[in-house]
């Protein structure tokens, strides 16, 4: 017995010791990650340095929360922060240590508005420092990278056996109606807006004419913006760029790129490096002093313009799907207190909300809109909106009360409309699975809404009235904020998505430009030449938050691994399941270069 207890206790001690080591290991990983995320605040920048704008990996709007699962797996954090890139480029124009900029084109994963923001920053660099240069190099130019390089670089170089991809734009929508029919699920839709096509994938087998009409218009307009920028930068007309897009230039020999003015030189990488060495007066290639935008951002106080003492401008990031109480996007239960806290913050002089959202919950959108109205009422401080890739439907709802709205020409906005979807799984349960139900209720609608039975005519009429009431409130908010009649808003609403240029014509936005343009205009309004930018919400999180997120991610990962090829359907079902009753959301469509 004594031996048994000794063995038992030894086993327990071993288990506890292992757990202790695991916990200590996690804390070591967290500590190292946090230390690396803070990084060194002092980066040695030599004279005649080259600022490297690395167009590779993901470009994010702002610093994400710490992902402990990536750290545990040892995955690299392959992303860059947009403001680090644009801020570094603009600051480098007046930095005597920076000789020029090298665009390292290696396939950036970014939205159209993010790419446009980089183009704007590089153009400002050229304007403010005409004596400095911008050189671009790539083995293979993706269309997004080529857009940036062609629009801004003084010289473009490519590997002699490299390729350039210019093909235009497209938007593809997946339709699930036949799949739902096969499994026996009917999706009952109530909506307002002829162009509100977010519901179409669940009730149609293909694109409706209104949906095709709106997508064709904004794609044509966005491509005109992009192709015109490429044409201007390369010294050709827009028709020539469309000719490149229509004739598979990626398949042509690189020698032909010179004659077509697609690039300026064919060089191997070491030959290009030698050019940079010569430009910076270095004897050897290895002596070139490169500095990344991430490192440059650590060495420069990019949050300040001038001495930063003129004003303190808050930038509130509102990115992702709009939800009521949960999610990793714009969560109303978190965002509303954040806005009300800003209203009580005497240290800030103005607010700019950076919106990158396709919308979501109508209820949550109203709560955020109201909180922003409280900010204006309680403080009297100016409030602007800067729209990124998307500020549509709910994204436009929360933006509509701003004193001034900035959008990129490539921004997708509008989509002023509302819908609701109630699935009916009666055929799946009864006909296919053999599951029947029995219901006892005190009133005719005691079990409404139910996925077991179709809506009755009275229920459908009630839901339609509910949606129309929501649409009336949505258009009222837009009309008040934009100082346009509600009837006019309803005419340009109808759930239709507009690009930034069309939105400007219609009065849905005030000016074209990115966050930097909004900040500059806000400084003029405040009558200051220097200011400091303070970002919200604070990306720092409680120490245990990554552990909770890690557990949730592990659970989801196990389910997705088990589902295999059906994982995408699982994601779609989860997204629908998480939706609130009324949705202000644009189509499930993504436009990218």
Protein backbone atom coordinates (compact mmCIF):
# COMPACT_ATOMS: atom_id res chain seq x y z
CA UNK A 1 0.00 0.00 0.00
CA UNK A 2 2.84 2.32 0.91
CA UNK A 3 4.44 1.72 -2.51
CA UNK A 4 1.11 2.41 -4.20
CA UNK A 5 0.73 5.79 -2.50
CA UNK A 6 4.34 6.68 -3.25
CA UNK A 7 3.79 5.78 -6.93
CA UNK A 8 0.43 7.60 -7.01
CA UNK A 9 1.87 10.76 -5.47
CA UNK A 10 4.86 10.62 -7.81
CA UNK A 11 2.48 10.41 -10.77
CA UNK A 12 0.47 13.38 -9.49
CA UNK A 13 3.67 15.34 -8.96
CA UNK A 14 4.74 14.56 -12.50
CA UNK A 15 1.41 15.73 -13.93
CA UNK A 16 1.50 18.94 -11.92
CA UNK A 17 5.14 19.53 -12.84
CA UNK A 18 4.28 19.07 -16.55
CA UNK A 19 1.34 21.47 -16.28
CA UNK A 20 3.57 23.97 -14.51
CA UNK A 21 6.14 23.73 -17.28
CA UNK A 22 3.39 24.18 -19.90
CA UNK A 23 2.03 27.28 -18.16
CA UNK A 24 5.54 28.71 -17.72
CA UNK A 25 6.20 27.98 -21.40
CA UNK A 26 3.05 29.82 -22.43
CA UNK A 27 4.01 32.83 -20.33
CA UNK A 28 7.52 32.80 -21.82
CA UNK A 29 6.01 32.74 -25.33
CA UNK A 30 3.61 35.55 -24.40
CA UNK A 31 6.37 37.59 -22.82
CA UNK A 32 8.65 37.16 -25.81
CA UNK A 33 5.82 38.03 -28.20
CA UNK A 34 4.88 41.14 -26.26
CA UNK A 35 8.51 42.20 -26.04
CA UNK A 36 8.97 41.71 -29.78
CA UNK A 37 5.73 43.55 -30.53
CA UNK A 38 6.97 46.53 -28.56
CA UNK A 39 10.38 46.25 -30.19
CA UNK A 40 13.26 48.63 -29.89
CA UNK A 41 12.32 52.28 -29.93
CA UNK A 42 15.76 53.23 -31.29
CA UNK A 43 16.72 52.13 -34.81
CA UNK A 44 20.01 53.29 -36.22
CA UNK A 45 19.32 54.95 -39.57
CA UNK A 46 22.50 55.69 -41.50
CA UNK A 47 23.05 58.52 -43.93
CA UNK A 48 22.07 57.78 -47.53
CA UNK A 49 19.72 54.99 -46.44
CA UNK A 50 17.10 53.39 -48.67
CA UNK A 51 13.57 53.11 -47.28
CA UNK A 52 12.19 49.72 -48.30
CA UNK A 53 8.44 49.52 -48.90
CA UNK A 54 7.95 45.78 -48.77
CA UNK A 55 4.87 44.88 -50.80
CA UNK A 56 4.42 41.34 -49.56
CA UNK A 57 2.20 39.55 -47.05
CA UNK A 58 -0.93 41.06 -45.50
CA UNK A 59 -1.34 44.78 -45.05
CA UNK A 60 -3.66 45.47 -42.11
CA UNK A 61 -5.46 48.66 -41.12
CA UNK A 62 -4.07 48.50 -37.60
CA UNK A 63 -2.15 46.33 -35.13
CA UNK A 64 -4.13 43.11 -34.45
CA UNK A 65 -4.54 41.45 -31.08
CA UNK A 66 -1.88 38.94 -30.08
CA UNK A 67 -2.61 35.51 -31.62
CA UNK A 68 -1.23 32.99 -29.15
CA UNK A 69 -2.03 29.99 -31.38
CA UNK A 70 0.26 31.34 -34.09
CA UNK A 71 2.96 31.81 -31.49
CA UNK A 72 2.55 28.30 -30.10
CA UNK A 73 2.63 26.84 -33.63
CA UNK A 74 5.64 28.97 -34.47
CA UNK A 75 3.87 30.64 -37.41
CA UNK A 76 5.39 33.89 -38.61
CA UNK A 77 3.33 37.05 -38.26
CA UNK A 78 3.44 37.96 -41.92
CA UNK A 79 1.71 41.31 -41.90
CA UNK A 80 2.39 45.02 -42.02
CA UNK A 81 0.44 47.98 -40.67
CA UNK A 82 -0.84 50.46 -43.26
CA UNK A 83 -0.09 53.55 -41.17
CA UNK A 84 3.52 52.38 -40.69
CA UNK A 85 3.94 52.30 -44.47
CA UNK A 86 2.19 55.57 -45.32
CA UNK A 87 3.58 57.42 -42.29
CA UNK A 88 7.15 56.30 -42.99
CA UNK A 89 6.92 57.28 -46.66
CA UNK A 90 5.65 60.76 -45.84
CA UNK A 91 8.18 61.32 -43.05
CA UNK A 92 11.04 60.13 -45.27
CA UNK A 93 10.45 63.04 -47.65
CA UNK A 94 11.93 65.48 -45.13
CA UNK A 95 14.49 63.09 -43.65
CA UNK A 96 17.97 63.91 -44.99
CA UNK A 97 19.16 60.42 -44.07
CA UNK A 98 16.81 58.80 -46.62
CA UNK A 99 18.19 58.87 -50.15
CA UNK A 100 15.21 57.24 -51.88
CA UNK A 101 12.57 54.52 -51.76
CA UNK A 102 12.79 50.94 -52.98
CA UNK A 103 9.45 49.30 -53.79
CA UNK A 104 10.02 45.59 -53.18
CA UNK A 105 7.10 44.13 -55.14
CA UNK A 106 6.41 40.60 -53.94
CA UNK A 107 2.62 40.22 -53.90
CA UNK A 108 0.99 42.39 -51.23
CA UNK A 109 -2.35 41.18 -49.91
CA UNK A 110 -4.32 44.36 -49.47
CA UNK A 111 -7.63 46.01 -50.24
CA UNK A 112 -8.00 48.53 -53.03
CA UNK A 113 -8.32 51.46 -50.63
CA UNK A 114 -5.17 50.35 -48.78
CA UNK A 115 -3.24 50.20 -52.06
CA UNK A 116 -4.60 53.64 -52.98
CA UNK A 117 -3.49 55.04 -49.62
CA UNK A 118 0.06 53.83 -50.35
CA UNK A 119 -0.11 55.42 -53.82
CA UNK A 120 -1.19 58.73 -52.26
CA UNK A 121 1.67 58.63 -49.74
CA UNK A 122 4.24 57.89 -52.46
CA UNK A 123 2.91 60.70 -54.65
CA UNK A 124 3.20 63.08 -51.69
CA UNK A 125 6.78 61.88 -51.22
CA UNK A 126 7.61 62.76 -54.83
CA UNK A 127 5.89 66.13 -54.53
CA UNK A 128 7.63 67.09 -51.30
CA UNK A 129 11.04 65.62 -52.16
CA UNK A 130 11.48 65.91 -55.96
CA UNK A 131 15.23 65.39 -55.61
CA UNK A 132 14.71 61.88 -54.19
CA UNK A 133 13.85 58.79 -56.21
CA UNK A 134 11.49 55.80 -56.13
CA UNK A 135 12.68 52.57 -57.79
CA UNK A 136 10.62 49.38 -58.10
CA UNK A 137 11.77 45.82 -58.70
CA UNK A 138 10.07 42.44 -58.98
CA UNK A 139 10.47 39.01 -60.47
CA UNK A 140 6.70 38.95 -61.02
CA UNK A 141 4.48 42.02 -60.64
CA UNK A 142 1.01 41.20 -59.36
CA UNK A 143 -1.64 43.63 -60.54
CA UNK A 144 -1.88 45.30 -57.13
CA UNK A 145 1.87 45.77 -56.85
CA UNK A 146 2.05 47.02 -60.43
CA UNK A 147 -0.67 49.58 -59.68
CA UNK A 148 1.50 51.07 -56.91
CA UNK A 149 4.76 50.84 -58.83
CA UNK A 150 3.46 52.11 -62.18
CA UNK A 151 1.61 55.03 -60.58
CA UNK A 152 4.54 56.25 -58.49
CA UNK A 153 7.97 54.82 -59.36
CA UNK A 154 10.52 56.82 -61.34
CA UNK A 155 11.83 53.56 -62.78
CA UNK A 156 10.43 50.01 -62.88
CA UNK A 157 12.74 47.02 -63.25
CA UNK A 158 11.91 43.37 -63.77
CA UNK A 159 13.78 40.11 -63.96
CA UNK A 160 14.60 39.35 -67.65
CA UNK A 161 12.42 36.23 -67.42
CA UNK A 162 9.82 37.81 -65.14
CA UNK A 163 6.23 38.76 -65.86
CA UNK A 164 3.69 41.51 -65.27
CA UNK A 165 0.03 40.75 -64.59
CA UNK A 166 -2.56 43.31 -65.68
CA UNK A 167 -6.00 41.80 -66.20
CA UNK A 168 -8.68 44.21 -64.94
CA UNK A 169 -11.23 43.64 -62.17
CA UNK A 170 -13.90 41.07 -61.45
CA UNK A 171 -16.27 40.23 -58.61
CA UNK A 172 -17.62 36.71 -58.19
CA UNK A 173 -20.57 35.68 -56.03
CA UNK A 174 -21.30 32.12 -54.88
CA UNK A 175 -24.94 30.97 -55.00
CA UNK A 176 -26.10 28.30 -52.55
CA UNK A 177 -29.76 27.95 -53.58
CA UNK A 178 -29.44 24.58 -55.31
CA UNK A 179 -27.43 23.19 -52.40
CA UNK A 180 -30.09 24.37 -49.95
CA UNK A 181 -32.75 22.82 -52.16
CA UNK A 182 -30.94 19.49 -52.12
CA UNK A 183 -30.62 19.43 -48.36
CA UNK A 184 -34.20 20.61 -47.90
CA UNK A 185 -33.76 24.11 -46.49
CA UNK A 186 -35.81 27.08 -47.69
CA UNK A 187 -34.58 30.60 -46.90
CA UNK A 188 -37.46 33.01 -46.36
CA UNK A 189 -36.40 36.57 -47.18
CA UNK A 190 -37.89 39.93 -46.33
CA UNK A 191 -36.10 43.01 -47.62
CA UNK A 192 -36.32 46.61 -48.79
CA UNK A 193 -34.26 47.68 -51.79
CA UNK A 194 -34.28 46.48 -55.37
CA UNK A 195 -30.47 46.29 -55.34
CA UNK A 196 -30.18 44.66 -51.91
CA UNK A 197 -28.56 41.56 -53.33
CA UNK A 198 -26.94 40.15 -50.18
CA UNK A 199 -29.88 37.71 -49.94
CA UNK A 200 -29.60 36.47 -53.54
CA UNK A 201 -27.05 33.67 -52.92
CA UNK A 202 -29.64 31.92 -50.74
CA UNK A 203 -32.72 32.30 -52.98
CA UNK A 204 -31.39 32.45 -56.55
CA UNK A 205 -29.19 30.29 -58.76
CA UNK A 206 -27.52 33.24 -60.46
CA UNK A 207 -27.10 37.00 -60.48
CA UNK A 208 -30.17 39.24 -60.85
CA UNK A 209 -30.11 42.06 -63.37
CA UNK A 210 -30.13 44.82 -60.70
CA UNK A 211 -27.17 43.17 -58.99
CA UNK A 212 -25.30 42.84 -62.27
CA UNK A 213 -26.08 46.49 -63.12
CA UNK A 214 -24.69 47.87 -59.87
CA UNK A 215 -21.61 45.66 -59.89
CA UNK A 216 -20.78 46.53 -63.48
CA UNK A 217 -20.98 50.26 -62.75
CA UNK A 218 -18.75 50.28 -59.71
CA UNK A 219 -16.25 47.85 -61.23
CA UNK A 220 -15.99 49.99 -64.36
CA UNK A 221 -15.51 53.14 -62.28
CA UNK A 222 -12.92 51.58 -59.97
CA UNK A 223 -10.98 50.14 -62.90
CA UNK A 224 -11.02 53.54 -64.59
CA UNK A 225 -9.41 54.99 -61.45
CA UNK A 226 -6.74 52.28 -61.33
CA UNK A 227 -6.01 52.12 -65.06
CA UNK A 228 -5.82 55.91 -65.32
CA UNK A 229 -3.27 56.01 -62.49
CA UNK A 230 -1.20 53.32 -64.25
CA UNK A 231 -1.49 55.12 -67.60
CA UNK A 232 -0.45 58.48 -66.16
CA UNK A 233 2.51 56.97 -64.35
CA UNK A 234 3.74 55.07 -67.42
CA UNK A 235 3.15 57.90 -69.90
CA UNK A 236 0.57 56.04 -72.00
CA UNK A 237 -3.16 56.44 -72.48
CA UNK A 238 -5.80 54.42 -70.65
CA UNK A 239 -6.68 52.54 -73.84
CA UNK A 240 -3.16 51.10 -73.86
CA UNK A 241 -3.58 49.79 -70.28
CA UNK A 242 -6.86 48.13 -71.30
CA UNK A 243 -5.04 46.62 -74.26
CA UNK A 244 -2.52 45.12 -71.81
CA UNK A 245 -5.38 43.76 -69.72
CA UNK A 246 -7.13 42.19 -72.70
CA UNK A 247 -4.09 40.54 -74.24
CA UNK A 248 -2.53 38.41 -71.50
CA UNK A 249 0.65 40.44 -71.07
CA UNK A 250 1.79 38.02 -68.35
CA UNK A 251 2.39 35.46 -71.11
CA UNK A 252 4.53 37.77 -73.27
CA UNK A 253 8.34 37.79 -73.19
CA UNK A 254 9.81 40.43 -70.91
CA UNK A 255 11.67 42.03 -73.84
CA UNK A 256 8.32 43.26 -75.15
CA UNK A 257 7.64 45.11 -71.89
CA UNK A 258 10.28 47.71 -72.75
CA UNK A 259 8.74 48.60 -76.09
CA UNK A 260 5.27 48.82 -74.53
CA UNK A 261 6.57 51.08 -71.69
CA UNK A 262 5.34 48.55 -69.17
CA UNK A 263 8.75 48.61 -67.45
CA UNK A 264 11.97 50.58 -67.79
CA UNK A 265 14.61 47.91 -67.51
CA UNK A 266 15.30 44.17 -67.51
CA UNK A 267 17.79 43.31 -64.77
CA UNK A 268 18.60 40.42 -62.51
CA UNK A 269 18.31 41.11 -58.83
CA UNK A 270 22.04 41.57 -58.24
CA UNK A 271 22.16 44.08 -61.12
CA UNK A 272 19.31 46.04 -59.59
CA UNK A 273 21.05 45.96 -56.22
CA UNK A 274 24.14 47.40 -57.88
CA UNK A 275 22.03 50.29 -59.18
CA UNK A 276 20.93 51.07 -55.63
CA UNK A 277 24.53 50.80 -54.44
CA UNK A 278 25.59 53.32 -57.09
CA UNK A 279 22.69 55.66 -56.22
CA UNK A 280 23.67 55.64 -52.55
CA UNK A 281 27.43 55.80 -53.18
CA UNK A 282 28.19 52.36 -51.68
CA UNK A 283 31.19 50.38 -52.87
CA UNK A 284 29.55 47.01 -52.35
CA UNK A 285 25.97 45.76 -52.53
CA UNK A 286 26.19 44.43 -48.99
CA UNK A 287 26.90 47.96 -47.75
CA UNK A 288 23.53 49.33 -48.87
CA UNK A 289 21.75 50.73 -45.81
CA UNK A 290 18.19 49.47 -46.10
CA UNK A 291 15.57 50.45 -43.52
CA UNK A 292 12.12 48.87 -43.46
CA UNK A 293 8.99 50.92 -42.89
CA UNK A 294 8.36 48.95 -39.68
CA UNK A 295 11.80 49.89 -38.32
CA UNK A 296 11.50 53.45 -39.55
CA UNK A 297 8.14 53.74 -37.77
CA UNK A 298 9.86 52.74 -34.51
CA UNK A 299 12.49 55.43 -34.89
CA UNK A 300 10.12 58.24 -35.86
CA UNK A 301 7.10 59.53 -33.96
CA UNK A 302 4.64 59.06 -36.80
CA UNK A 303 1.70 59.98 -34.59
CA UNK A 304 2.88 63.57 -34.55
CA UNK A 305 2.78 66.23 -37.25
CA UNK A 306 5.12 69.11 -36.39
CA UNK A 307 5.67 69.24 -32.66
CA UNK A 308 2.27 67.60 -32.11
CA UNK A 309 1.17 70.25 -29.62
CA UNK A 310 -1.45 72.03 -31.71
CA UNK A 311 -4.25 69.51 -31.21
CA UNK A 312 -4.95 65.90 -30.29
CA UNK A 313 -7.06 64.12 -32.92
CA UNK A 314 -8.60 60.76 -32.00
CA UNK A 315 -8.84 58.12 -34.74
CA UNK A 316 -11.40 55.45 -33.89
CA UNK A 317 -11.01 52.26 -35.93
CA UNK A 318 -14.29 50.59 -36.90
CA UNK A 319 -13.32 47.55 -38.97
CA UNK A 320 -15.16 44.31 -39.77
CA UNK A 321 -18.73 43.03 -39.49
CA UNK A 322 -21.08 44.97 -37.22
CA UNK A 323 -22.51 42.76 -34.47
CA UNK A 324 -24.47 43.27 -31.26
CA UNK A 325 -22.45 41.52 -28.56
CA UNK A 326 -19.77 39.24 -29.96
CA UNK A 327 -17.28 38.82 -32.78
CA UNK A 328 -13.91 40.20 -33.78
CA UNK A 329 -15.20 43.12 -35.85
CA UNK A 330 -17.29 46.12 -34.76
CA UNK A 331 -19.07 44.91 -31.63
CA UNK A 332 -21.67 47.47 -30.49
CA UNK A 333 -21.47 46.47 -26.83
CA UNK A 334 -17.76 47.40 -26.95
CA UNK A 335 -17.85 50.26 -29.44
CA UNK A 336 -20.64 52.28 -27.79
CA UNK A 337 -18.84 52.59 -24.40
CA UNK A 338 -15.64 53.42 -26.29
CA UNK A 339 -17.36 56.33 -28.05
CA UNK A 340 -18.99 57.59 -24.84
CA UNK A 341 -15.61 57.43 -23.10
CA UNK A 342 -14.17 59.57 -25.90
CA UNK A 343 -16.96 62.08 -25.28
CA UNK A 344 -15.66 62.45 -21.71
CA UNK A 345 -12.02 62.60 -22.76
CA UNK A 346 -10.93 66.22 -22.38
CA UNK A 347 -7.53 65.43 -23.93
CA UNK A 348 -8.90 65.04 -27.47
CA UNK A 349 -9.99 67.91 -29.71
CA UNK A 350 -11.67 66.03 -32.56
CA UNK A 351 -12.71 62.58 -33.71
CA UNK A 352 -12.17 60.77 -37.01
CA UNK A 353 -13.75 57.32 -37.38
CA UNK A 354 -11.91 55.05 -39.82
CA UNK A 355 -14.56 52.73 -41.29
CA UNK A 356 -13.80 49.52 -43.15
CA UNK A 357 -17.01 47.51 -42.89
CA UNK A 358 -19.59 45.86 -45.19
CA UNK A 359 -22.20 46.32 -42.44
CA UNK A 360 -24.10 43.88 -40.27
CA UNK A 361 -26.69 44.18 -37.51
CA UNK A 362 -29.20 47.01 -38.01
CA UNK A 363 -29.77 47.25 -34.24
CA UNK A 364 -26.04 47.49 -33.52
CA UNK A 365 -25.62 50.10 -36.26
CA UNK A 366 -28.31 52.26 -34.67
CA UNK A 367 -26.66 52.02 -31.24
CA UNK A 368 -23.29 53.10 -32.64
CA UNK A 369 -24.93 55.91 -34.64
CA UNK A 370 -26.66 57.18 -31.49
CA UNK A 371 -23.44 57.06 -29.45
CA UNK A 372 -21.72 59.19 -32.09
CA UNK A 373 -24.61 61.65 -31.96
CA UNK A 374 -24.06 61.84 -28.20
CA UNK A 375 -20.38 62.55 -28.82
CA UNK A 376 -21.30 65.51 -31.02
CA UNK A 377 -24.00 66.76 -28.65
CA UNK A 378 -21.97 66.49 -25.45
CA UNK A 379 -18.67 67.81 -26.79
CA UNK A 380 -19.40 70.09 -29.73
CA UNK A 381 -16.16 68.73 -31.21
CA UNK A 382 -15.89 68.01 -34.95
CA UNK A 383 -16.45 64.45 -36.14
CA UNK A 384 -15.24 63.13 -39.50
CA UNK A 385 -15.36 59.72 -41.18
CA UNK A 386 -12.62 58.21 -43.35
CA UNK A 387 -13.89 55.33 -45.48
CA UNK A 388 -11.54 52.52 -46.53
CA UNK A 389 -12.36 49.53 -48.77
CA UNK A 390 -15.95 49.26 -47.55
CA UNK A 391 -18.30 51.55 -45.69
CA UNK A 392 -21.53 50.06 -46.94
CA UNK A 393 -24.97 49.44 -45.47
CA UNK A 394 -24.38 49.34 -41.71
CA UNK A 395 -20.94 50.78 -42.43
CA UNK A 396 -22.67 53.77 -44.05
CA UNK A 397 -25.31 53.90 -41.29
CA UNK A 398 -22.68 54.54 -38.61
CA UNK A 399 -20.91 57.07 -40.88
CA UNK A 400 -23.93 59.10 -41.92
CA UNK A 401 -23.91 61.57 -39.02
CA UNK A 402 -20.35 62.78 -39.59
CA UNK A 403 -19.67 66.46 -40.20
CA UNK A 404 -17.59 65.42 -43.20
CA UNK A 405 -17.08 62.08 -44.96
CA UNK A 406 -13.94 61.18 -46.90
CA UNK A 407 -13.88 58.18 -49.23
CA UNK A 408 -11.35 56.76 -51.65
CA UNK A 409 -12.45 56.62 -55.31
CA UNK A 410 -12.22 52.82 -54.95
CA UNK A 411 -14.32 52.68 -51.75
CA UNK A 412 -17.58 50.73 -51.90
CA UNK A 413 -20.27 52.56 -49.96
CA UNK A 414 -24.01 53.22 -49.87
CA UNK A 415 -26.02 49.98 -49.94
CA UNK A 416 -28.74 51.74 -47.97
CA UNK A 417 -31.21 48.91 -47.46
CA UNK A 418 -32.27 46.26 -44.96
CA UNK A 419 -33.10 42.58 -45.09
CA UNK A 420 -33.95 39.67 -42.83
CA UNK A 421 -33.62 35.93 -43.47
CA UNK A 422 -35.42 33.09 -41.69
CA UNK A 423 -34.48 29.54 -42.74
CA UNK A 424 -37.19 26.87 -42.93
CA UNK A 425 -35.72 23.40 -42.41
CA UNK A 426 -39.03 21.49 -42.40
CA UNK A 427 -38.21 19.47 -45.53
CA UNK A 428 -34.73 18.63 -44.24
CA UNK A 429 -36.01 17.46 -40.87
CA UNK A 430 -39.18 15.67 -41.94
CA UNK A 431 -38.60 14.40 -45.50
CA UNK A 432 -34.87 13.68 -45.36
CA UNK A 433 -34.06 12.96 -41.71
CA UNK A 434 -37.40 11.59 -40.57
CA UNK A 435 -37.69 14.04 -37.70
CA UNK A 436 -41.19 15.30 -36.92
CA UNK A 437 -42.29 17.81 -34.31
CA UNK A 438 -45.32 18.44 -32.17
CA UNK A 439 -46.01 21.95 -30.88
CA UNK A 440 -48.37 23.22 -28.19
CA UNK A 441 -48.87 26.98 -27.96
CA UNK A 442 -51.14 29.49 -26.26
CA UNK A 443 -51.24 31.92 -29.17
CA UNK A 444 -51.15 31.65 -32.92
CA UNK A 445 -47.57 32.93 -33.13
CA UNK A 446 -46.27 31.41 -29.94
CA UNK A 447 -43.42 29.61 -31.69
CA UNK A 448 -42.52 32.38 -34.17
CA UNK A 449 -39.93 32.56 -35.60
CA UNK A 450 -39.38 28.85 -36.11
CA UNK A 451 -37.06 26.97 -38.44
CA UNK A 452 -39.49 24.04 -38.35
CA UNK A 453 -42.33 25.63 -40.31
CA UNK A 454 -42.77 28.20 -43.08
CA UNK A 455 -44.06 31.65 -42.19
CA UNK A 456 -47.79 32.20 -42.43
CA UNK A 457 -49.02 35.12 -44.60
CA UNK A 458 -49.65 37.14 -41.42
CA UNK A 459 -46.15 36.45 -40.13
CA UNK A 460 -44.58 37.33 -43.48
CA UNK A 461 -46.55 40.60 -43.56
CA UNK A 462 -45.44 41.43 -40.02
CA UNK A 463 -41.80 40.76 -40.91
CA UNK A 464 -42.06 42.92 -44.04
CA UNK A 465 -43.51 45.75 -41.96
CA UNK A 466 -40.68 45.28 -39.45
CA UNK A 467 -38.06 45.54 -42.20
CA UNK A 468 -39.73 48.57 -43.80
CA UNK A 469 -39.77 50.33 -40.42
CA UNK A 470 -36.06 49.65 -40.09
CA UNK A 471 -35.45 50.98 -43.61
CA UNK A 472 -37.44 54.12 -42.84
CA UNK A 473 -35.26 54.74 -39.76
CA UNK A 474 -32.07 54.03 -41.74
CA UNK A 475 -32.97 56.50 -44.51
CA UNK A 476 -34.07 59.07 -41.92
CA UNK A 477 -30.68 58.89 -40.23
CA UNK A 478 -28.93 59.28 -43.61
CA UNK A 479 -31.16 62.19 -44.64
CA UNK A 480 -30.53 64.05 -41.39
CA UNK A 481 -26.80 63.48 -41.50
CA UNK A 482 -26.34 64.38 -45.17
CA UNK A 483 -28.89 67.23 -45.16
CA UNK A 484 -30.79 65.61 -48.02
CA UNK A 485 -34.51 64.88 -48.13
CA UNK A 486 -35.52 61.39 -47.07
CA UNK A 487 -37.24 60.84 -50.41
CA UNK A 488 -33.98 61.64 -52.21
CA UNK A 489 -32.08 59.22 -49.97
CA UNK A 490 -34.63 56.51 -50.74
CA UNK A 491 -34.17 57.12 -54.47
CA UNK A 492 -30.39 56.64 -54.30
CA UNK A 493 -30.74 53.97 -51.62
CA UNK A 494 -32.65 50.84 -52.63
CA UNK A 495 -29.71 48.82 -51.30
CA UNK A 496 -27.49 49.97 -54.16
CA UNK A 497 -23.71 49.89 -53.74
CA UNK A 498 -21.78 52.89 -55.11
CA UNK A 499 -18.09 53.50 -55.65
CA UNK A 500 -16.49 56.58 -54.09
CA UNK A 501 -16.71 58.79 -57.18
CA UNK A 502 -20.41 58.09 -57.71
CA UNK A 503 -21.04 58.57 -54.00
CA UNK A 504 -19.44 62.02 -54.22
CA UNK A 505 -21.72 62.97 -57.12
CA UNK A 506 -24.76 61.79 -55.17
CA UNK A 507 -23.84 63.66 -51.99
CA UNK A 508 -23.23 60.51 -49.94
CA UNK A 509 -19.62 61.62 -49.28
CA UNK A 510 -17.96 65.02 -49.21
CA UNK A 511 -14.41 64.54 -50.48
CA UNK A 512 -12.19 61.94 -52.09
CA UNK A 513 -9.12 60.91 -50.14
CA UNK A 514 -7.84 58.63 -47.43
CA UNK A 515 -7.22 58.99 -43.71
CA UNK A 516 -4.28 61.35 -44.21
CA UNK A 517 -6.48 63.68 -46.24
CA UNK A 518 -9.13 63.59 -43.49
CA UNK A 519 -6.48 64.36 -40.85
CA UNK A 520 -5.11 67.27 -42.87
CA UNK A 521 -8.59 68.72 -43.35
CA UNK A 522 -9.39 68.28 -39.66
CA UNK A 523 -6.21 70.18 -38.76
CA UNK A 524 -7.39 73.05 -40.98
CA UNK A 525 -10.77 73.01 -39.27
CA UNK A 526 -9.06 73.16 -35.87
CA UNK A 527 -6.79 75.92 -37.26
CA UNK A 528 -3.60 74.13 -36.24
CA UNK A 529 -0.42 73.24 -38.13
CA UNK A 530 0.76 70.57 -35.69
CA UNK A 531 -1.20 67.75 -34.10
CA UNK A 532 -0.95 64.35 -32.46
CA UNK A 533 -2.98 61.31 -33.52
CA UNK A 534 -4.32 59.05 -30.76
CA UNK A 535 -5.78 55.72 -31.89
CA UNK A 536 -8.73 53.87 -30.36
CA UNK A 537 -9.70 51.23 -29.28
CA UNK A 538 -6.41 50.54 -27.56
CA UNK A 539 -4.97 47.39 -29.19
CA UNK A 540 -3.50 46.28 -25.85
CA UNK A 541 -5.53 43.58 -24.16
CA UNK A 542 -5.71 41.81 -20.83
CA UNK A 543 -2.99 39.21 -20.36
CA UNK A 544 -5.41 36.28 -20.28
CA UNK A 545 -7.40 37.28 -23.38
CA UNK A 546 -5.07 35.43 -25.78
CA UNK A 547 -5.51 32.24 -23.73
CA UNK A 548 -9.31 32.43 -24.09
CA UNK A 549 -9.00 33.19 -27.79
CA UNK A 550 -6.57 30.29 -28.18
CA UNK A 551 -9.10 27.87 -26.69
CA UNK A 552 -11.85 29.11 -28.99
CA UNK A 553 -9.57 28.93 -32.01
CA UNK A 554 -8.45 25.40 -31.14
CA UNK A 555 -12.07 24.26 -30.87
CA UNK A 556 -12.96 25.83 -34.22
CA UNK A 557 -9.83 24.44 -35.84
CA UNK A 558 -10.66 20.88 -34.71
CA UNK A 559 -14.21 21.15 -36.10
CA UNK A 560 -12.98 22.54 -39.44
CA UNK A 561 -10.32 19.82 -39.74
CA UNK A 562 -12.98 17.17 -39.14
CA UNK A 563 -15.28 18.68 -41.78
CA UNK A 564 -12.56 18.84 -44.43
CA UNK A 565 -14.01 20.08 -47.75
CA UNK A 566 -17.27 21.04 -46.02
CA UNK A 567 -15.47 23.62 -43.83
CA UNK A 568 -16.47 26.54 -46.07
CA UNK A 569 -20.15 25.63 -45.72
CA UNK A 570 -19.63 25.41 -41.96
CA UNK A 571 -18.19 28.95 -41.99
CA UNK A 572 -21.16 30.24 -44.00
CA UNK A 573 -23.69 28.62 -41.65
CA UNK A 574 -21.87 30.08 -38.65
CA UNK A 575 -21.96 33.52 -40.23
CA UNK A 576 -25.71 33.30 -40.87
CA UNK A 577 -26.34 31.86 -37.42
CA UNK A 578 -24.57 34.82 -35.86
CA UNK A 579 -26.66 37.39 -37.72
CA UNK A 580 -29.30 39.39 -35.86
CA UNK A 581 -32.85 39.57 -37.18
CA UNK A 582 -32.38 42.71 -39.29
CA UNK A 583 -29.27 43.16 -41.39
CA UNK A 584 -27.76 46.30 -42.92
CA UNK A 585 -25.19 44.47 -45.02
CA UNK A 586 -23.88 44.71 -48.57
CA UNK A 587 -23.38 41.72 -50.88
CA UNK A 588 -20.97 38.97 -49.91
CA UNK A 589 -18.61 40.12 -52.65
CA UNK A 590 -14.94 41.07 -52.65
CA UNK A 591 -13.20 43.22 -55.23
CA UNK A 592 -9.43 43.01 -55.29
CA UNK A 593 -6.52 43.56 -57.62
